[in-house]
Amino acid sequence: MNYRINSTALTLVVLLVLVAAALFVYTLVSAPTEEPVVVEEVVEEEMVEQLITAKHQYVDNVHTIAGTAEVPTPCHRLVLEPFFIGENEVEIRFNTFLEGDECAGEPFSAPFRVSFEAPEDVAITATWDGAPVRLNLVPVEEGETLDDELFIKG
């Protein structure tokens, strides 16, 4: 078999490849570059941090935490559960649930109480609807017990 090279076709293919390469280089060099997106970092001092203050009692290997926390409306129910993280840390999970449609849109102080069995030196942290919050635990005074106080939503 005898193959002849068509010089006109070869010239056109070479020119086409050169034009494509030139367009590629031109696009890389002259295309506008995007400015880097700057994400504003929230300064820790600017963050509104929720603080929950509660009384804390430790008797017979049982921790009891009780107090009140502000919920969005009186129709919100506050549910607490202790969640054990390892052997020496407990996370108190505060969760709110809306239990009605017609409700005054004003904040409401909802009482709460949770008890769990753990060593005295356990680390206790808290979350509010999944977000971390500061938990300020105030030890009960000598002679005072949390059993004397009722924490019933009403």
N, C-alpha and C. Protein backbone atom coordinates (compact mmCIF):
# COMPACT_ATOMS: atom_id res chain seq x y z
N MET A 1 0.82 -1.17 0.00
CA MET A 1 0.00 0.00 0.00
C MET A 1 0.87 1.24 0.00
N ASN A 2 0.43 2.13 -0.77
CA ASN A 2 1.17 3.37 -0.91
C ASN A 2 0.28 4.51 -0.44
N TYR A 3 0.71 5.14 0.62
CA TYR A 3 -0.08 6.26 1.18
C TYR A 3 0.60 7.56 0.82
N ARG A 4 -0.19 8.48 0.35
CA ARG A 4 0.33 9.81 0.05
C ARG A 4 -0.20 10.77 1.09
N ILE A 5 0.63 11.65 1.51
CA ILE A 5 0.25 12.65 2.49
C ILE A 5 -0.26 13.86 1.73
N ASN A 6 -1.47 14.25 2.10
CA ASN A 6 -2.08 15.41 1.50
C ASN A 6 -1.55 16.64 2.23
N SER A 7 -0.74 17.40 1.56
CA SER A 7 -0.09 18.55 2.21
C SER A 7 -1.09 19.63 2.58
N THR A 8 -2.15 19.79 1.87
CA THR A 8 -3.15 20.81 2.18
C THR A 8 -3.90 20.43 3.46
N ALA A 9 -4.27 19.18 3.59
CA ALA A 9 -4.97 18.71 4.79
C ALA A 9 -4.06 18.81 6.00
N LEU A 10 -2.80 18.43 5.82
CA LEU A 10 -1.84 18.50 6.92
C LEU A 10 -1.65 19.94 7.37
N THR A 11 -1.57 20.84 6.44
CA THR A 11 -1.40 22.26 6.77
C THR A 11 -2.60 22.79 7.54
N LEU A 12 -3.79 22.39 7.12
CA LEU A 12 -5.01 22.83 7.82
C LEU A 12 -5.07 22.28 9.24
N VAL A 13 -4.72 21.03 9.43
CA VAL A 13 -4.72 20.42 10.78
C VAL A 13 -3.71 21.11 11.69
N VAL A 14 -2.51 21.39 11.17
CA VAL A 14 -1.48 22.07 11.96
C VAL A 14 -1.94 23.47 12.34
N LEU A 15 -2.54 24.19 11.36
CA LEU A 15 -3.04 25.54 11.65
C LEU A 15 -4.16 25.49 12.70
N LEU A 16 -5.04 24.51 12.60
CA LEU A 16 -6.12 24.37 13.57
C LEU A 16 -5.58 24.11 14.97
N VAL A 17 -4.59 23.25 15.10
CA VAL A 17 -3.97 22.96 16.40
C VAL A 17 -3.28 24.21 16.95
N LEU A 18 -2.60 24.97 16.09
CA LEU A 18 -1.94 26.21 16.54
C LEU A 18 -2.95 27.25 17.01
N VAL A 19 -4.06 27.39 16.30
CA VAL A 19 -5.10 28.34 16.71
C VAL A 19 -5.70 27.93 18.05
N ALA A 20 -5.97 26.63 18.23
CA ALA A 20 -6.52 26.15 19.50
C ALA A 20 -5.55 26.40 20.64
N ALA A 21 -4.26 26.15 20.41
CA ALA A 21 -3.25 26.40 21.45
C ALA A 21 -3.16 27.89 21.76
N ALA A 22 -3.23 28.73 20.74
CA ALA A 22 -3.16 30.19 20.95
C ALA A 22 -4.37 30.67 21.75
N LEU A 23 -5.57 30.14 21.44
CA LEU A 23 -6.76 30.52 22.19
C LEU A 23 -6.66 30.08 23.66
N PHE A 24 -6.13 28.91 23.87
CA PHE A 24 -5.95 28.41 25.23
C PHE A 24 -5.02 29.31 26.03
N VAL A 25 -3.88 29.66 25.45
CA VAL A 25 -2.91 30.54 26.12
C VAL A 25 -3.52 31.91 26.36
N TYR A 26 -4.23 32.45 25.37
CA TYR A 26 -4.86 33.76 25.51
C TYR A 26 -5.88 33.74 26.66
N THR A 27 -6.67 32.67 26.78
CA THR A 27 -7.66 32.56 27.84
C THR A 27 -6.99 32.52 29.21
N LEU A 28 -5.90 31.80 29.33
CA LEU A 28 -5.19 31.72 30.61
C LEU A 28 -4.59 33.06 31.02
N VAL A 29 -4.02 33.77 30.05
CA VAL A 29 -3.32 35.02 30.35
C VAL A 29 -4.27 36.18 30.55
N SER A 30 -5.26 36.32 29.68
CA SER A 30 -6.08 37.54 29.72
C SER A 30 -7.41 37.38 30.45
N ALA A 31 -7.78 36.20 30.85
CA ALA A 31 -9.06 36.02 31.53
C ALA A 31 -9.01 36.73 32.88
N PRO A 32 -10.10 37.41 33.24
CA PRO A 32 -10.11 38.09 34.55
C PRO A 32 -10.05 37.06 35.67
N THR A 33 -9.23 37.37 36.64
CA THR A 33 -9.10 36.45 37.77
C THR A 33 -10.13 36.83 38.82
N GLU A 34 -10.67 35.84 39.46
CA GLU A 34 -11.66 36.08 40.51
C GLU A 34 -10.95 36.49 41.78
N GLU A 35 -11.53 37.48 42.42
CA GLU A 35 -10.98 37.89 43.72
C GLU A 35 -11.28 36.79 44.72
N PRO A 36 -10.36 36.50 45.60
CA PRO A 36 -10.64 35.48 46.61
C PRO A 36 -11.79 35.93 47.51
N VAL A 37 -12.65 34.99 47.81
CA VAL A 37 -13.79 35.29 48.67
C VAL A 37 -13.28 35.37 50.11
N VAL A 38 -13.54 36.49 50.73
CA VAL A 38 -13.11 36.68 52.11
C VAL A 38 -14.29 36.39 53.02
N VAL A 39 -14.13 35.39 53.84
CA VAL A 39 -15.17 35.05 54.80
C VAL A 39 -14.88 35.82 56.07
N GLU A 40 -15.87 36.61 56.49
CA GLU A 40 -15.67 37.38 57.71
C GLU A 40 -15.73 36.45 58.90
N GLU A 41 -14.70 36.49 59.69
CA GLU A 41 -14.67 35.68 60.88
C GLU A 41 -15.39 36.42 61.99
N VAL A 42 -16.20 35.69 62.71
CA VAL A 42 -16.92 36.29 63.81
C VAL A 42 -15.98 36.31 65.01
N VAL A 43 -15.78 37.49 65.52
CA VAL A 43 -14.92 37.63 66.68
C VAL A 43 -15.66 37.02 67.87
N GLU A 44 -14.93 36.29 68.68
CA GLU A 44 -15.55 35.58 69.80
C GLU A 44 -16.31 36.53 70.73
N GLU A 45 -15.82 37.76 70.86
CA GLU A 45 -16.48 38.70 71.74
C GLU A 45 -17.83 39.14 71.18
N GLU A 46 -18.00 39.10 69.84
CA GLU A 46 -19.24 39.53 69.21
C GLU A 46 -20.32 38.46 69.28
N MET A 47 -19.93 37.22 69.48
CA MET A 47 -20.90 36.14 69.51
C MET A 47 -21.78 36.26 70.75
N VAL A 48 -23.08 36.11 70.55
CA VAL A 48 -23.99 36.11 71.68
C VAL A 48 -23.98 34.70 72.24
N GLU A 49 -23.56 34.58 73.44
CA GLU A 49 -23.43 33.26 74.03
C GLU A 49 -24.53 33.09 75.07
N GLN A 50 -25.23 31.99 75.00
CA GLN A 50 -26.29 31.74 75.97
C GLN A 50 -25.69 31.19 77.24
N LEU A 51 -26.19 31.70 78.35
CA LEU A 51 -25.73 31.27 79.67
C LEU A 51 -26.91 30.70 80.42
N ILE A 52 -26.76 29.50 80.91
CA ILE A 52 -27.79 28.88 81.73
C ILE A 52 -27.23 28.71 83.13
N THR A 53 -27.88 29.34 84.09
CA THR A 53 -27.47 29.23 85.49
C THR A 53 -28.45 28.30 86.19
N ALA A 54 -27.93 27.34 86.94
CA ALA A 54 -28.77 26.36 87.60
C ALA A 54 -28.14 25.95 88.92
N LYS A 55 -28.97 25.43 89.81
CA LYS A 55 -28.47 24.89 91.07
C LYS A 55 -28.01 23.46 90.84
N HIS A 56 -26.97 23.08 91.55
CA HIS A 56 -26.38 21.75 91.40
C HIS A 56 -26.23 21.11 92.77
N GLN A 57 -26.72 19.89 92.86
CA GLN A 57 -26.63 19.14 94.12
C GLN A 57 -26.04 17.77 93.81
N TYR A 58 -25.13 17.33 94.69
CA TYR A 58 -24.53 15.99 94.55
C TYR A 58 -24.75 15.24 95.85
N VAL A 59 -25.57 14.19 95.81
CA VAL A 59 -25.86 13.39 97.00
C VAL A 59 -25.90 11.92 96.59
N ASP A 60 -25.16 11.09 97.31
CA ASP A 60 -25.16 9.64 97.10
C ASP A 60 -24.90 9.26 95.64
N ASN A 61 -23.88 9.85 95.05
CA ASN A 61 -23.46 9.55 93.68
C ASN A 61 -24.47 9.99 92.62
N VAL A 62 -25.42 10.87 92.99
CA VAL A 62 -26.41 11.37 92.04
C VAL A 62 -26.30 12.89 91.94
N HIS A 63 -26.13 13.36 90.69
CA HIS A 63 -26.10 14.79 90.42
C HIS A 63 -27.53 15.22 90.08
N THR A 64 -27.97 16.33 90.67
CA THR A 64 -29.27 16.91 90.33
C THR A 64 -29.03 18.36 89.95
N ILE A 65 -29.54 18.73 88.78
CA ILE A 65 -29.39 20.10 88.27
C ILE A 65 -30.80 20.63 88.02
N ALA A 66 -31.09 21.82 88.59
CA ALA A 66 -32.43 22.38 88.46
C ALA A 66 -32.34 23.90 88.34
N GLY A 67 -33.30 24.45 87.64
CA GLY A 67 -33.34 25.90 87.48
C GLY A 67 -34.41 26.29 86.49
N THR A 68 -34.25 27.47 85.89
CA THR A 68 -35.17 27.92 84.85
C THR A 68 -34.35 28.40 83.66
N ALA A 69 -34.94 28.27 82.49
CA ALA A 69 -34.29 28.73 81.26
C ALA A 69 -35.35 29.40 80.40
N GLU A 70 -34.94 30.40 79.65
CA GLU A 70 -35.87 31.15 78.83
C GLU A 70 -36.10 30.44 77.50
N VAL A 71 -37.38 30.17 77.20
CA VAL A 71 -37.78 29.59 75.92
C VAL A 71 -38.52 30.66 75.13
N PRO A 72 -38.64 30.52 73.80
CA PRO A 72 -39.23 31.58 72.97
C PRO A 72 -40.67 31.96 73.33
N THR A 73 -41.50 30.97 73.68
CA THR A 73 -42.90 31.25 74.01
C THR A 73 -43.35 30.30 75.12
N PRO A 74 -44.48 30.60 75.76
CA PRO A 74 -45.01 29.67 76.76
C PRO A 74 -45.42 28.32 76.16
N CYS A 75 -45.60 28.26 74.85
CA CYS A 75 -45.99 27.00 74.19
C CYS A 75 -44.79 26.09 73.92
N HIS A 76 -43.59 26.54 74.20
CA HIS A 76 -42.42 25.70 73.99
C HIS A 76 -42.19 24.83 75.23
N ARG A 77 -41.98 23.56 74.99
CA ARG A 77 -41.69 22.62 76.07
C ARG A 77 -40.18 22.42 76.09
N LEU A 78 -39.62 22.39 77.29
CA LEU A 78 -38.19 22.21 77.47
C LEU A 78 -37.94 20.78 77.95
N VAL A 79 -37.13 20.05 77.19
CA VAL A 79 -36.82 18.66 77.52
C VAL A 79 -35.32 18.55 77.72
N LEU A 80 -34.92 17.91 78.83
CA LEU A 80 -33.50 17.73 79.13
C LEU A 80 -33.17 16.26 79.16
N GLU A 81 -31.94 15.95 78.73
CA GLU A 81 -31.46 14.59 78.85
C GLU A 81 -29.95 14.61 79.09
N PRO A 82 -29.49 13.80 80.04
CA PRO A 82 -28.05 13.70 80.22
C PRO A 82 -27.48 12.74 79.18
N PHE A 83 -26.37 13.12 78.57
CA PHE A 83 -25.72 12.28 77.57
C PHE A 83 -24.29 12.04 78.04
N PHE A 84 -23.94 10.80 78.26
CA PHE A 84 -22.63 10.45 78.80
C PHE A 84 -21.60 10.38 77.68
N ILE A 85 -20.56 11.18 77.82
CA ILE A 85 -19.45 11.21 76.87
C ILE A 85 -18.25 10.62 77.60
N GLY A 86 -17.97 9.39 77.33
CA GLY A 86 -16.87 8.73 78.03
C GLY A 86 -17.24 8.49 79.49
N GLU A 87 -16.22 8.26 80.29
CA GLU A 87 -16.45 7.95 81.70
C GLU A 87 -16.50 9.19 82.58
N ASN A 88 -15.90 10.28 82.13
CA ASN A 88 -15.77 11.42 83.03
C ASN A 88 -16.36 12.71 82.47
N GLU A 89 -17.34 12.62 81.56
CA GLU A 89 -17.99 13.83 81.05
C GLU A 89 -19.45 13.54 80.73
N VAL A 90 -20.30 14.47 81.15
CA VAL A 90 -21.73 14.38 80.88
C VAL A 90 -22.16 15.67 80.20
N GLU A 91 -22.93 15.53 79.12
CA GLU A 91 -23.45 16.70 78.42
C GLU A 91 -24.95 16.75 78.67
N ILE A 92 -25.42 17.87 79.22
CA ILE A 92 -26.85 18.06 79.43
C ILE A 92 -27.40 18.67 78.15
N ARG A 93 -28.32 17.97 77.52
CA ARG A 93 -28.88 18.43 76.25
C ARG A 93 -30.26 19.06 76.51
N PHE A 94 -30.33 20.38 76.31
CA PHE A 94 -31.57 21.12 76.42
C PHE A 94 -32.19 21.16 75.02
N ASN A 95 -33.44 20.69 74.87
CA ASN A 95 -34.13 20.72 73.59
C ASN A 95 -35.49 21.37 73.79
N THR A 96 -35.88 22.24 72.85
CA THR A 96 -37.17 22.89 72.93
C THR A 96 -38.08 22.36 71.83
N PHE A 97 -39.37 22.22 72.18
CA PHE A 97 -40.37 21.74 71.24
C PHE A 97 -41.60 22.63 71.33
N LEU A 98 -42.13 23.05 70.19
CA LEU A 98 -43.33 23.87 70.14
C LEU A 98 -44.55 22.98 70.27
N GLU A 99 -45.44 23.29 71.22
CA GLU A 99 -46.61 22.45 71.48
C GLU A 99 -47.92 23.18 71.24
N GLY A 100 -48.00 24.03 70.29
CA GLY A 100 -49.24 24.73 70.01
C GLY A 100 -49.01 25.78 68.95
N ASP A 101 -50.09 26.17 68.29
CA ASP A 101 -49.97 27.16 67.23
C ASP A 101 -50.28 28.57 67.71
N GLU A 102 -51.27 28.69 68.58
CA GLU A 102 -51.69 30.01 69.06
C GLU A 102 -51.04 30.27 70.40
N CYS A 103 -50.01 31.10 70.37
CA CYS A 103 -49.27 31.35 71.59
C CYS A 103 -48.68 32.75 71.54
N ALA A 104 -48.64 33.38 72.69
CA ALA A 104 -48.03 34.71 72.77
C ALA A 104 -46.56 34.61 72.38
N GLY A 105 -46.11 35.54 71.58
CA GLY A 105 -44.73 35.51 71.09
C GLY A 105 -43.76 36.17 72.02
N GLU A 106 -43.88 35.93 73.29
CA GLU A 106 -42.97 36.54 74.26
C GLU A 106 -42.20 35.45 74.99
N PRO A 107 -40.95 35.72 75.36
CA PRO A 107 -40.15 34.71 76.06
C PRO A 107 -40.80 34.28 77.38
N PHE A 108 -40.50 33.06 77.76
CA PHE A 108 -41.09 32.47 78.96
C PHE A 108 -40.00 31.73 79.73
N SER A 109 -39.98 31.87 81.05
CA SER A 109 -39.01 31.14 81.88
C SER A 109 -39.57 29.77 82.20
N ALA A 110 -38.97 28.75 81.61
CA ALA A 110 -39.43 27.37 81.81
C ALA A 110 -38.56 26.69 82.86
N PRO A 111 -39.18 26.10 83.87
CA PRO A 111 -38.40 25.38 84.88
C PRO A 111 -37.88 24.05 84.31
N PHE A 112 -36.76 23.60 84.85
CA PHE A 112 -36.21 22.31 84.43
C PHE A 112 -35.53 21.62 85.61
N ARG A 113 -35.38 20.31 85.46
CA ARG A 113 -34.70 19.50 86.47
C ARG A 113 -34.23 18.22 85.78
N VAL A 114 -32.99 17.84 86.05
CA VAL A 114 -32.45 16.60 85.51
C VAL A 114 -31.54 15.97 86.57
N SER A 115 -31.57 14.64 86.65
CA SER A 115 -30.72 13.91 87.60
C SER A 115 -30.03 12.78 86.85
N PHE A 116 -28.81 12.49 87.28
CA PHE A 116 -28.06 11.38 86.69
C PHE A 116 -27.02 10.90 87.69
N GLU A 117 -26.65 9.65 87.54
CA GLU A 117 -25.67 9.04 88.42
C GLU A 117 -24.30 9.11 87.77
N ALA A 118 -23.33 9.69 88.50
CA ALA A 118 -21.97 9.84 87.98
C ALA A 118 -21.04 10.17 89.14
N PRO A 119 -19.73 10.00 88.95
CA PRO A 119 -18.78 10.37 90.00
C PRO A 119 -18.86 11.87 90.29
N GLU A 120 -18.41 12.26 91.47
CA GLU A 120 -18.52 13.65 91.89
C GLU A 120 -17.72 14.59 91.00
N ASP A 121 -16.56 14.15 90.50
CA ASP A 121 -15.68 15.04 89.72
C ASP A 121 -15.96 15.01 88.22
N VAL A 122 -17.13 14.56 87.81
CA VAL A 122 -17.47 14.48 86.39
C VAL A 122 -17.55 15.90 85.79
N ALA A 123 -17.09 16.04 84.56
CA ALA A 123 -17.19 17.31 83.85
C ALA A 123 -18.59 17.41 83.25
N ILE A 124 -19.27 18.55 83.48
CA ILE A 124 -20.63 18.73 83.00
C ILE A 124 -20.67 19.89 82.02
N THR A 125 -21.12 19.61 80.79
CA THR A 125 -21.28 20.64 79.77
C THR A 125 -22.74 20.65 79.32
N ALA A 126 -23.10 21.59 78.43
CA ALA A 126 -24.49 21.67 78.00
C ALA A 126 -24.59 22.12 76.55
N THR A 127 -25.71 21.72 75.91
CA THR A 127 -26.06 22.21 74.58
C THR A 127 -27.51 22.65 74.62
N TRP A 128 -27.85 23.62 73.75
CA TRP A 128 -29.23 24.11 73.62
C TRP A 128 -29.63 23.90 72.16
N ASP A 129 -30.54 22.98 71.94
CA ASP A 129 -30.96 22.61 70.58
C ASP A 129 -29.75 22.32 69.69
N GLY A 130 -28.76 21.65 70.25
CA GLY A 130 -27.58 21.23 69.50
C GLY A 130 -26.40 22.17 69.52
N ALA A 131 -26.60 23.41 69.94
CA ALA A 131 -25.51 24.39 69.98
C ALA A 131 -24.93 24.46 71.39
N PRO A 132 -23.61 24.57 71.52
CA PRO A 132 -23.02 24.64 72.86
C PRO A 132 -23.44 25.91 73.60
N VAL A 133 -23.67 25.77 74.89
CA VAL A 133 -23.99 26.90 75.76
C VAL A 133 -23.13 26.82 77.01
N ARG A 134 -23.01 27.96 77.67
CA ARG A 134 -22.29 27.97 78.95
C ARG A 134 -23.24 27.56 80.04
N LEU A 135 -22.79 26.69 80.90
CA LEU A 135 -23.59 26.20 82.02
C LEU A 135 -22.93 26.66 83.30
N ASN A 136 -23.63 27.51 84.05
CA ASN A 136 -23.13 28.02 85.32
C ASN A 136 -23.84 27.26 86.43
N LEU A 137 -23.12 26.33 87.06
CA LEU A 137 -23.71 25.52 88.12
C LEU A 137 -23.37 26.12 89.48
N VAL A 138 -24.42 26.41 90.24
CA VAL A 138 -24.26 26.99 91.58
C VAL A 138 -24.55 25.88 92.58
N PRO A 139 -23.56 25.52 93.39
CA PRO A 139 -23.81 24.46 94.37
C PRO A 139 -24.87 24.90 95.39
N VAL A 140 -25.71 23.94 95.80
CA VAL A 140 -26.71 24.27 96.81
C VAL A 140 -25.99 24.55 98.13
N GLU A 141 -26.60 25.42 98.92
CA GLU A 141 -25.99 25.78 100.21
C GLU A 141 -26.19 24.65 101.20
N GLU A 142 -25.39 24.66 102.23
CA GLU A 142 -25.47 23.63 103.26
C GLU A 142 -26.84 23.67 103.91
N GLY A 143 -27.46 22.52 104.02
CA GLY A 143 -28.79 22.42 104.60
C GLY A 143 -29.91 22.57 103.58
N GLU A 144 -29.59 23.04 102.38
CA GLU A 144 -30.59 23.22 101.33
C GLU A 144 -30.61 21.98 100.45
N THR A 145 -31.79 21.58 100.02
CA THR A 145 -31.90 20.46 99.08
C THR A 145 -32.80 20.87 97.92
N LEU A 146 -32.54 20.32 96.78
CA LEU A 146 -33.37 20.62 95.61
C LEU A 146 -34.70 19.89 95.67
N ASP A 147 -34.83 18.90 96.56
CA ASP A 147 -36.09 18.18 96.70
C ASP A 147 -37.17 19.09 97.27
N ASP A 148 -36.78 20.14 97.99
CA ASP A 148 -37.75 21.06 98.59
C ASP A 148 -38.41 21.96 97.55
N GLU A 149 -37.81 22.09 96.38
CA GLU A 149 -38.31 23.01 95.37
C GLU A 149 -39.03 22.24 94.28
N LEU A 150 -40.12 22.79 93.81
CA LEU A 150 -40.86 22.18 92.72
C LEU A 150 -40.48 22.85 91.42
N PHE A 151 -40.17 22.06 90.41
CA PHE A 151 -39.84 22.60 89.09
C PHE A 151 -40.83 22.00 88.11
N ILE A 152 -42.03 22.57 88.13
CA ILE A 152 -43.10 22.08 87.27
C ILE A 152 -43.55 23.22 86.38
N LYS A 153 -43.67 22.94 85.08
CA LYS A 153 -44.12 23.97 84.14
C LYS A 153 -45.61 24.19 84.39
N GLY A 154 -46.00 25.46 84.52
CA GLY A 154 -47.41 25.68 84.79
C GLY A 154 -47.89 27.01 84.55
